[in-house]
C-alpha atoms as a PDB file:
ATOM      1  CA  MET A   1       2.021  -7.180  21.755  1.00  0.00           C
ATOM      2  CA  LYS A   2       5.444  -8.399  20.532  1.00  0.00           C
ATOM      3  CA  ILE A   3       7.308  -6.626  18.140  1.00  0.00           C
ATOM      4  CA  TRP A   4      10.669  -8.101  16.497  1.00  0.00           C
ATOM      5  CA  LEU A   5      12.971  -5.736  16.393  1.00  0.00           C
ATOM      6  CA  ASP A   6      16.441  -6.793  15.092  1.00  0.00           C
ATOM      7  CA  GLY A   7      16.714 -10.538  15.712  1.00  0.00           C
ATOM      8  CA  GLY A   8      14.161 -10.999  18.302  1.00  0.00           C
ATOM      9  CA  LEU A   9      10.479 -10.732  19.946  1.00  0.00           C
ATOM     10  CA  GLN A  10      10.254  -8.094  22.364  1.00  0.00           C
ATOM     11  CA  ASP A  11       7.470  -6.188  24.326  1.00  0.00           C
ATOM     12  CA  GLY A  12       5.845  -3.744  22.130  1.00  0.00           C
ATOM     13  CA  GLU A  13       5.895  -1.414  25.462  1.00  0.00           C
ATOM     14  CA  ALA A  14       9.678  -1.459  25.425  1.00  0.00           C
ATOM     15  CA  ALA A  15      10.571  -2.236  21.719  1.00  0.00           C
ATOM     16  CA  ARG A  16      12.818   0.744  21.007  1.00  0.00           C
ATOM     17  CA  VAL A  17      14.706   1.716  18.042  1.00  0.00           C
ATOM     18  CA  SER A  18      17.188   4.785  17.860  1.00  0.00           C
ATOM     19  CA  VAL A  19      16.523   8.488  17.713  1.00  0.00           C
ATOM     20  CA  PHE A  20      19.642   8.594  15.598  1.00  0.00           C
ATOM     21  CA  ASP A  21      17.615   5.888  12.696  1.00  0.00           C
ATOM     22  CA  HIS A  22      17.478   6.488   9.569  1.00  0.00           C
ATOM     23  CA  GLY A  23      13.957   5.720   9.020  1.00  0.00           C
ATOM     24  CA  LEU A  24      13.048   8.259  11.275  1.00  0.00           C
ATOM     25  CA  THR A  25      16.354  11.074  11.116  1.00  0.00           C
ATOM     26  CA  VAL A  26      15.550  11.262   7.422  1.00  0.00           C
ATOM     27  CA  GLY A  27      13.188   8.911   6.155  1.00  0.00           C
ATOM     28  CA  ASP A  28      15.744   6.581   4.878  1.00  0.00           C
ATOM     29  CA  GLY A  29      13.472   3.108   4.837  1.00  0.00           C
ATOM     30  CA  VAL A  30      11.095   0.879   2.876  1.00  0.00           C
ATOM     31  CA  PHE A  31       7.821  -0.703   4.054  1.00  0.00           C
ATOM     32  CA  GLU A  32       5.212  -3.751   3.562  1.00  0.00           C
ATOM     33  CA  THR A  33       2.263  -3.772   5.066  1.00  0.00           C
ATOM     34  CA  VAL A  34       0.679  -7.221   4.515  1.00  0.00           C
ATOM     35  CA  LYS A  35      -2.739  -8.702   5.459  1.00  0.00           C
ATOM     36  CA  ALA A  36      -3.267 -11.205   8.128  1.00  0.00           C
ATOM     37  CA  MET A  37      -6.023 -13.430   9.405  1.00  0.00           C
ATOM     38  CA  HIS A  38      -5.912 -15.965  12.013  1.00  0.00           C
ATOM     39  CA  GLY A  39      -2.243 -16.054  11.948  1.00  0.00           C
ATOM     40  CA  GLU A  40      -1.830 -16.786   8.238  1.00  0.00           C
ATOM     41  CA  THR A  41      -0.460 -13.874   5.866  1.00  0.00           C
ATOM     42  CA  PHE A  42      -1.777 -12.892   2.113  1.00  0.00           C
ATOM     43  CA  ALA A  43       0.613 -12.368  -0.222  1.00  0.00           C
ATOM     44  CA  LEU A  44       3.597 -12.484   1.656  1.00  0.00           C
ATOM     45  CA  THR A  45       5.948 -13.726  -1.231  1.00  0.00           C
ATOM     46  CA  ARG A  46       4.760 -10.883  -2.878  1.00  0.00           C
ATOM     47  CA  HIS A  47       4.877  -8.175  -0.198  1.00  0.00           C
ATOM     48  CA  LEU A  48       8.772  -9.568   0.120  1.00  0.00           C
ATOM     49  CA  ASP A  49       9.860  -9.227  -3.557  1.00  0.00           C
ATOM     50  CA  ARG A  50       8.407  -5.551  -3.629  1.00  0.00           C
ATOM     51  CA  LEU A  51       9.956  -4.658  -0.325  1.00  0.00           C
ATOM     52  CA  THR A  52      13.684  -6.110  -2.173  1.00  0.00           C
ATOM     53  CA  ARG A  53      12.981  -3.820  -4.923  1.00  0.00           C
ATOM     54  CA  SER A  54      12.518  -0.938  -3.176  1.00  0.00           C
ATOM     55  CA  ALA A  55      15.606  -1.240  -1.009  1.00  0.00           C
ATOM     56  CA  ARG A  56      17.750  -1.905  -4.122  1.00  0.00           C
ATOM     57  CA  GLY A  57      16.281   1.390  -5.447  1.00  0.00           C
ATOM     58  CA  LEU A  58      17.004   3.154  -2.025  1.00  0.00           C
ATOM     59  CA  GLY A  59      20.278   1.470  -2.282  1.00  0.00           C
ATOM     60  CA  LEU A  60      19.726  -0.878   1.191  1.00  0.00           C
ATOM     61  CA  PRO A  61      21.137  -4.006   1.280  1.00  0.00           C
ATOM     62  CA  ASP A  62      19.019  -6.589   0.213  1.00  0.00           C
ATOM     63  CA  PRO A  63      16.823  -7.616   3.548  1.00  0.00           C
ATOM     64  CA  ASP A  64      17.024 -11.229   4.954  1.00  0.00           C
ATOM     65  CA  GLN A  65      13.675 -12.701   3.246  1.00  0.00           C
ATOM     66  CA  ASP A  66      14.018 -15.646   5.342  1.00  0.00           C
ATOM     67  CA  GLU A  67      14.635 -13.686   8.835  1.00  0.00           C
ATOM     68  CA  ILE A  68      11.600 -11.513   7.984  1.00  0.00           C
ATOM     69  CA  ARG A  69       9.574 -15.158   7.340  1.00  0.00           C
ATOM     70  CA  ARG A  70      10.858 -16.257  10.554  1.00  0.00           C
ATOM     71  CA  ALA A  71       9.894 -12.741  12.412  1.00  0.00           C
ATOM     72  CA  CYS A  72       6.129 -12.531  10.411  1.00  0.00           C
ATOM     73  CA  ALA A  73       5.500 -16.371  12.007  1.00  0.00           C
ATOM     74  CA  ALA A  74       6.370 -15.367  15.602  1.00  0.00           C
ATOM     75  CA  VAL A  75       4.500 -12.010  15.747  1.00  0.00           C
ATOM     76  CA  LEU A  76       1.520 -13.732  13.947  1.00  0.00           C
ATOM     77  CA  GLU A  77       1.738 -16.730  16.542  1.00  0.00           C
ATOM     78  CA  ALA A  78       2.107 -14.013  19.279  1.00  0.00           C
ATOM     79  CA  ASP A  79      -1.465 -12.618  18.562  1.00  0.00           C
ATOM     80  CA  PRO A  80      -3.198 -14.265  15.747  1.00  0.00           C
ATOM     81  CA  MET A  81      -5.642 -11.853  16.008  1.00  0.00           C
ATOM     82  CA  PRO A  82      -9.092 -12.506  12.853  1.00  0.00           C
ATOM     83  CA  LEU A  83      -7.614  -9.706  10.920  1.00  0.00           C
ATOM     84  CA  GLY A  84      -4.170  -7.761  11.303  1.00  0.00           C
ATOM     85  CA  ARG A  85      -2.223  -5.260   9.434  1.00  0.00           C
ATOM     86  CA  LEU A  86       1.358  -6.909   9.862  1.00  0.00           C
ATOM     87  CA  ARG A  87       3.824  -3.960   9.175  1.00  0.00           C
ATOM     88  CA  ILE A  88       7.606  -4.880   7.737  1.00  0.00           C
ATOM     89  CA  THR A  89       9.760  -1.895   8.124  1.00  0.00           C
ATOM     90  CA  TYR A  90      13.258  -1.687   6.879  1.00  0.00           C
ATOM     91  CA  THR A  91      15.792   1.010   7.671  1.00  0.00           C
ATOM     92  CA  GLY A  92      18.868   2.374   6.607  1.00  0.00           C
ATOM     93  CA  GLY A  93      19.611   2.293  10.849  1.00  0.00           C
ATOM     94  CA  HIS A  94      21.445   4.107  13.114  1.00  0.00           C
ATOM     95  CA  GLY A  95      23.343   7.148  11.266  1.00  0.00           C
ATOM     96  CA  PRO A  96      24.233  10.941  11.609  1.00  0.00           C
ATOM     97  CA  LEU A  97      21.969  13.530  11.218  1.00  0.00           C
ATOM     98  CA  GLY A  98      22.624  14.180   7.588  1.00  0.00           C
ATOM     99  CA  SER A  99      21.766  12.586   4.333  1.00  0.00           C
ATOM    100  CA  ASP A 100      24.424  10.277   4.604  1.00  0.00           C
ATOM    101  CA  ARG A 101      24.345   6.357   6.106  1.00  0.00           C
ATOM    102  CA  GLY A 102      25.859   5.015   9.182  1.00  0.00           C
ATOM    103  CA  ASP A 103      27.625   1.959   8.863  1.00  0.00           C
ATOM    104  CA  ARG A 104      25.914  -0.170  12.018  1.00  0.00           C
ATOM    105  CA  GLY A 105      23.416  -2.130   9.026  1.00  0.00           C
ATOM    106  CA  PRO A 106      19.787  -1.694   8.581  1.00  0.00           C
ATOM    107  CA  THR A 107      16.761  -1.817  11.199  1.00  0.00           C
ATOM    108  CA  LEU A 108      14.422  -4.446  10.874  1.00  0.00           C
ATOM    109  CA  VAL A 109      10.899  -4.262  12.684  1.00  0.00           C
ATOM    110  CA  VAL A 110       7.985  -6.439  12.102  1.00  0.00           C
ATOM    111  CA  ALA A 111       4.870  -5.154  13.834  1.00  0.00           C
ATOM    112  CA  LEU A 112       0.970  -6.682  14.058  1.00  0.00           C
ATOM    113  CA  GLY A 113      -2.226  -4.047  14.761  1.00  0.00           C
ATOM    114  CA  GLY A 114      -5.979  -5.009  14.593  1.00  0.00           C
ATOM    115  CA  THR A 115      -7.623  -3.834  11.479  1.00  0.00           C
ATOM    116  CA  THR A 116     -11.588  -4.291  11.078  1.00  0.00           C
ATOM    117  CA  ARG A 117     -13.005  -5.398   7.202  1.00  0.00           C
ATOM    118  CA  ARG A 118     -13.160  -2.055   4.979  1.00  0.00           C
ATOM    119  CA  ALA A 119     -16.622  -0.736   3.869  1.00  0.00           C
ATOM    120  CA  ASP A 120     -17.989  -2.107   0.396  1.00  0.00           C
ATOM    121  CA  SER A 121     -17.845   1.595  -1.035  1.00  0.00           C
ATOM    122  CA  THR A 122     -16.335   4.646   0.269  1.00  0.00           C
ATOM    123  CA  ALA A 123     -15.822   8.037  -1.093  1.00  0.00           C
ATOM    124  CA  VAL A 124     -13.023   9.583  -2.733  1.00  0.00           C
ATOM    125  CA  VAL A 125     -11.194  13.354  -3.235  1.00  0.00           C
ATOM    126  CA  THR A 126      -9.003  14.391  -5.737  1.00  0.00           C
ATOM    127  CA  VAL A 127      -6.056  16.488  -4.439  1.00  0.00           C
ATOM    128  CA  PRO A 128      -4.031  19.838  -6.006  1.00  0.00           C
ATOM    129  CA  TRP A 129      -1.020  18.269  -5.468  1.00  0.00           C
ATOM    130  CA  THR A 130       0.864  16.192  -8.010  1.00  0.00           C
ATOM    131  CA  ARG A 131       3.025  12.451  -7.960  1.00  0.00           C
ATOM    132  CA  ASN A 132       6.819  12.719  -9.551  1.00  0.00           C
ATOM    133  CA  GLU A 133       6.540  10.017 -11.811  1.00  0.00           C
ATOM    134  CA  ARG A 134      10.398  10.796 -12.410  1.00  0.00           C
ATOM    135  CA  GLY A 135      11.330  11.222  -9.173  1.00  0.00           C
ATOM    136  CA  ALA A 136      14.170   9.292  -7.493  1.00  0.00           C
ATOM    137  CA  LEU A 137      11.653   7.504  -5.226  1.00  0.00           C
ATOM    138  CA  THR A 138       8.761   6.505  -7.434  1.00  0.00           C
ATOM    139  CA  GLY A 139       7.592   3.169  -7.573  1.00  0.00           C
ATOM    140  CA  LEU A 140       9.584   2.380  -4.380  1.00  0.00           C
ATOM    141  CA  LYS A 141       7.287   2.156  -1.174  1.00  0.00           C
ATOM    142  CA  THR A 142       9.638   3.974   1.383  1.00  0.00           C
ATOM    143  CA  THR A 143       9.074   5.778   4.903  1.00  0.00           C
ATOM    144  CA  SER A 144       8.542   9.052   3.153  1.00  0.00           C
ATOM    145  CA  TYR A 145       4.756   8.982   3.625  1.00  0.00           C
ATOM    146  CA  ALA A 146       4.381  13.037   4.825  1.00  0.00           C
ATOM    147  CA  GLU A 147       2.957  13.611   1.497  1.00  0.00           C
ATOM    148  CA  ASN A 148       0.433  10.955   1.972  1.00  0.00           C
ATOM    149  CA  VAL A 149      -0.178  11.958   5.892  1.00  0.00           C
ATOM    150  CA  VAL A 150      -1.151  15.626   4.416  1.00  0.00           C
ATOM    151  CA  ALA A 151      -3.344  14.461   1.132  1.00  0.00           C
ATOM    152  CA  LEU A 152      -5.166  11.778   3.076  1.00  0.00           C
ATOM    153  CA  ALA A 153      -5.731  14.756   5.867  1.00  0.00           C
ATOM    154  CA  ARG A 154      -7.607  16.599   3.433  1.00  0.00           C
ATOM    155  CA  ALA A 155      -9.561  13.797   2.252  1.00  0.00           C
ATOM    156  CA  HIS A 156     -10.793  13.235   5.823  1.00  0.00           C
ATOM    157  CA  GLU A 157     -11.873  16.876   6.246  1.00  0.00           C
ATOM    158  CA  GLN A 158     -14.163  16.539   3.080  1.00  0.00           C
ATOM    159  CA  GLY A 159     -15.514  13.177   4.564  1.00  0.00           C
ATOM    160  CA  ALA A 160     -13.692  11.019   2.343  1.00  0.00           C
ATOM    161  CA  THR A 161     -11.200   7.529   3.004  1.00  0.00           C
ATOM    162  CA  GLU A 162      -9.194   8.621   0.337  1.00  0.00           C
ATOM    163  CA  ALA A 163      -7.203  10.963  -2.093  1.00  0.00           C
ATOM    164  CA  LEU A 164      -6.224  10.502  -5.230  1.00  0.00           C
ATOM    165  CA  PHE A 165      -2.837  11.992  -6.995  1.00  0.00           C
ATOM    166  CA  GLY A 166      -2.415  13.358 -10.441  1.00  0.00           C
ATOM    167  CA  ASN A 167       0.405  13.019 -11.863  1.00  0.00           C
ATOM    168  CA  THR A 168       3.267  15.977 -13.295  1.00  0.00           C
ATOM    169  CA  ALA A 169       1.387  15.358 -16.764  1.00  0.00           C
ATOM    170  CA  GLY A 170      -2.044  15.462 -15.724  1.00  0.00           C
ATOM    171  CA  ARG A 171      -2.712  12.457 -15.763  1.00  0.00           C
ATOM    172  CA  LEU A 172      -4.341   9.534 -13.125  1.00  0.00           C
ATOM    173  CA  CYS A 173      -1.721   8.157 -10.917  1.00  0.00           C
ATOM    174  CA  GLU A 174      -2.862   7.044  -7.368  1.00  0.00           C
ATOM    175  CA  GLY A 175      -4.530   7.224  -3.675  1.00  0.00           C
ATOM    176  CA  THR A 176      -2.223   7.725  -1.222  1.00  0.00           C
ATOM    177  CA  GLY A 177      -1.955   4.048  -0.034  1.00  0.00           C
ATOM    178  CA  SER A 178      -4.042   2.758  -2.884  1.00  0.00           C
ATOM    179  CA  ASN A 179      -4.580   1.979  -6.810  1.00  0.00           C
ATOM    180  CA  VAL A 180      -7.424   3.606  -8.287  1.00  0.00           C
ATOM    181  CA  PHE A 181      -9.288   1.460 -11.451  1.00  0.00           C
ATOM    182  CA  VAL A 182     -11.719   3.245 -13.944  1.00  0.00           C
ATOM    183  CA  VAL A 183     -15.143   0.886 -15.730  1.00  0.00           C
ATOM    184  CA  LEU A 184     -15.115   2.602 -19.472  1.00  0.00           C
ATOM    185  CA  ASP A 185     -17.712   0.971 -21.443  1.00  0.00           C
ATOM    186  CA  GLY A 186     -17.735  -2.267 -19.772  1.00  0.00           C
ATOM    187  CA  GLU A 187     -13.907  -2.385 -19.422  1.00  0.00           C
ATOM    188  CA  ILE A 188     -11.591  -1.931 -16.810  1.00  0.00           C
ATOM    189  CA  HIS A 189      -8.583   0.274 -16.826  1.00  0.00           C
ATOM    190  CA  THR A 190      -5.682   1.314 -14.407  1.00  0.00           C
ATOM    191  CA  PRO A 191      -2.386   3.495 -14.486  1.00  0.00           C
ATOM    192  CA  PRO A 192      -0.274   1.972 -15.750  1.00  0.00           C
ATOM    193  CA  VAL A 193       3.449   1.979 -13.746  1.00  0.00           C
ATOM    194  CA  ALA A 194       4.971   4.713 -15.570  1.00  0.00           C
ATOM    195  CA  SER A 195       2.755   7.288 -14.297  1.00  0.00           C
ATOM    196  CA  GLY A 196       4.339   7.100 -10.977  1.00  0.00           C
ATOM    197  CA  CYS A 197       1.954   4.799  -8.728  1.00  0.00           C
ATOM    198  CA  LEU A 198       2.656   1.573  -7.090  1.00  0.00           C
ATOM    199  CA  ALA A 199       3.092  -1.441  -8.238  1.00  0.00           C
ATOM    200  CA  GLY A 200       0.732  -2.244  -5.834  1.00  0.00           C
ATOM    201  CA  ILE A 201       0.453  -5.969  -5.110  1.00  0.00           C
ATOM    202  CA  THR A 202      -3.199  -6.173  -4.394  1.00  0.00           C
ATOM    203  CA  ARG A 203      -3.582  -3.870  -8.210  1.00  0.00           C
ATOM    204  CA  GLU A 204      -1.440  -6.660  -9.692  1.00  0.00           C
ATOM    205  CA  LEU A 205      -3.782  -9.474  -8.708  1.00  0.00           C
ATOM    206  CA  THR A 206      -6.581  -7.833  -9.817  1.00  0.00           C
ATOM    207  CA  VAL A 207      -4.927  -6.940 -13.040  1.00  0.00           C
ATOM    208  CA  GLU A 208      -4.269 -10.423 -13.336  1.00  0.00           C
ATOM    209  CA  TRP A 209      -7.664 -12.106 -12.050  1.00  0.00           C
ATOM    210  CA  THR A 210      -9.604  -9.907 -13.858  1.00  0.00           C
ATOM    211  CA  GLY A 211      -8.344  -8.840 -17.361  1.00  0.00           C
ATOM    212  CA  ALA A 212      -7.716  -5.308 -16.414  1.00  0.00           C
ATOM    213  CA  SER A 213      -6.039  -2.883 -18.812  1.00  0.00           C
ATOM    214  CA  GLU A 214      -3.388  -0.624 -17.865  1.00  0.00           C
ATOM    215  CA  THR A 215      -4.140   2.600 -19.750  1.00  0.00           C
ATOM    216  CA  ASP A 216      -2.438   6.247 -19.706  1.00  0.00           C
ATOM    217  CA  LEU A 217      -5.420   8.002 -18.147  1.00  0.00           C
ATOM    218  CA  PRO A 218      -6.563  11.932 -17.760  1.00  0.00           C
ATOM    219  CA  LEU A 219      -7.143  12.891 -14.245  1.00  0.00           C
ATOM    220  CA  ASP A 220     -10.626  14.228 -15.485  1.00  0.00           C
ATOM    221  CA  VAL A 221     -11.779   9.920 -16.388  1.00  0.00           C
ATOM    222  CA  LEU A 222     -13.055  10.561 -13.064  1.00  0.00           C
ATOM    223  CA  GLU A 223     -15.824  13.191 -14.309  1.00  0.00           C
ATOM    224  CA  ARG A 224     -17.026  10.199 -16.354  1.00  0.00           C
ATOM    225  CA  ALA A 225     -15.945   7.120 -15.421  1.00  0.00           C
ATOM    226  CA  ASP A 226     -19.245   4.637 -14.999  1.00  0.00           C
ATOM    227  CA  GLU A 227     -17.069   2.718 -12.436  1.00  0.00           C
ATOM    228  CA  VAL A 228     -14.575   3.382 -10.058  1.00  0.00           C
ATOM    229  CA  PHE A 229     -12.542   0.812  -7.319  1.00  0.00           C
ATOM    230  CA  LEU A 230      -9.915   1.269  -5.326  1.00  0.00           C
ATOM    231  CA  THR A 231      -7.636  -1.836  -4.716  1.00  0.00           C
ATOM    232  CA  SER A 232      -5.258  -1.863  -1.525  1.00  0.00           C
ATOM    233  CA  THR A 233      -4.432  -4.864   0.793  1.00  0.00           C
ATOM    234  CA  LEU A 234      -6.670  -3.734   3.333  1.00  0.00           C
ATOM    235  CA  ARG A 235      -8.921  -2.737   1.270  1.00  0.00           C
ATOM    236  CA  ASP A 236      -8.896  -5.468  -1.016  1.00  0.00           C
ATOM    237  CA  VAL A 237     -11.371  -4.390  -3.886  1.00  0.00           C
ATOM    238  CA  GLN A 238     -13.449  -1.587  -2.891  1.00  0.00           C
ATOM    239  CA  ALA A 239     -16.090  -0.016  -4.260  1.00  0.00           C
ATOM    240  CA  VAL A 240     -16.156   4.153  -4.820  1.00  0.00           C
ATOM    241  CA  HIS A 241     -19.803   5.912  -4.662  1.00  0.00           C
ATOM    242  CA  ARG A 242     -18.436   9.537  -4.240  1.00  0.00           C
ATOM    243  CA  VAL A 243     -15.257  10.937  -6.274  1.00  0.00           C
ATOM    244  CA  ASP A 244     -15.559  14.858  -5.213  1.00  0.00           C
ATOM    245  CA  ASP A 245     -18.750  15.761  -5.869  1.00  0.00           C
ATOM    246  CA  ARG A 246     -19.749  13.684  -8.248  1.00  0.00           C
ATOM    247  CA  GLU A 247     -22.247  10.660  -6.647  1.00  0.00           C
ATOM    248  CA  LEU A 248     -22.337   7.114  -8.730  1.00  0.00           C
ATOM    249  CA  PRO A 249     -25.212   5.388  -8.897  1.00  0.00           C
ATOM    250  CA  GLY A 250     -25.960   2.023  -8.491  1.00  0.00           C
ATOM    251  CA  VAL A 251     -22.925   1.413  -6.073  1.00  0.00           C
ATOM    252  CA  PRO A 252     -21.079  -1.393  -6.854  1.00  0.00           C
ATOM    253  CA  GLY A 253     -21.845  -0.946 -10.835  1.00  0.00           C
ATOM    254  CA  PRO A 254     -21.705  -4.536 -11.931  1.00  0.00           C
ATOM    255  CA  VAL A 255     -17.876  -4.360 -12.946  1.00  0.00           C
ATOM    256  CA  THR A 256     -16.901  -3.546  -9.833  1.00  0.00           C
ATOM    257  CA  ALA A 257     -18.946  -6.126  -8.048  1.00  0.00           C
ATOM    258  CA  LYS A 258     -17.667  -8.853 -10.449  1.00  0.00           C
ATOM    259  CA  ALA A 259     -14.198  -7.910  -9.430  1.00  0.00           C
ATOM    260  CA  MET A 260     -14.801  -7.843  -5.718  1.00  0.00           C
ATOM    261  CA  ARG A 261     -16.202 -11.678  -6.119  1.00  0.00           C
ATOM    262  CA  ILE A 262     -13.772 -12.659  -8.467  1.00  0.00           C
ATOM    263  CA  PHE A 263     -10.763 -11.371  -6.188  1.00  0.00           C
ATOM    264  CA  ALA A 264     -12.616 -12.455  -3.036  1.00  0.00           C
ATOM    265  CA  GLU A 265     -12.915 -16.159  -4.527  1.00  0.00           C
ATOM    266  CA  ARG A 266      -9.308 -15.624  -5.669  1.00  0.00           C
ATOM    267  CA  ALA A 267      -7.626 -15.162  -3.356  1.00  0.00           C
ATOM    268  CA  ALA A 268      -9.779 -17.791  -0.551  1.00  0.00           C
ATOM    269  CA  ASP A 269      -8.070 -20.664  -2.734  1.00  0.00           C
ATOM    270  CA  ASP A 270      -4.778 -19.053  -2.955  1.00  0.00           C
ATOM    271  CA  LEU A 271      -3.342 -17.418   0.446  1.00  0.00           C
ATOM    272  CA  ASP A 272       0.226 -16.925  -1.363  1.00  0.00           C
ATOM    273  CA  PRO A 273      -0.504 -16.399  -5.205  1.00  0.00           C
END
């Protein structure tokens, strides 16, 4: 495995980041996960634009998008696997052990790992913790991911692959690494960004391509939705066959199946929509 670290390719086993990197000590960093297929990326421009927005939200310098494109190309050329998870990590760099930043500049890491195609449907659980729709990190894709680690572990304990959060107002928000959509009376709805959810790239494309509505939804909509599905970079559009103890019949339902088909067709037509 080859890793891009601060300006060049390194062997995966030899690549090292300082133990004083702010991304490690206080989670001061942002990242993107990009789908890679046979050496080609999907929606890279949208991912890089969101990386820049997240960096600005943390007060980090704008990442050099041209360098990141070169880094992605170099890592993919070194290992053009059939389906991969391309991870771009951009942190505050070497700094003190406290919350203040150092002055050596950011750290950039681009790494690639193999993955497999997701199942057509999955199970999800709701968790008792909330997303803070008014927090300093709301809407930013940061490396401060421990809350998601805890929630995802809870989901795995219950035989599910994703955990869904409400926000502090009791409204439906998002998953640990996905956005959630529900179908009500044949219409597709997803929580608005104002709910505190991440503005997912796959979410954004799904809204554009299917005409889904951004709707403020109560968390208990999951108990009565006709269909439920998730979107994320590696899930694309994935049907949900179980929410907590509720089994949804006929999964994927007709609306979800159509959304899956539309996304697959549009994504195949344009790798950087």
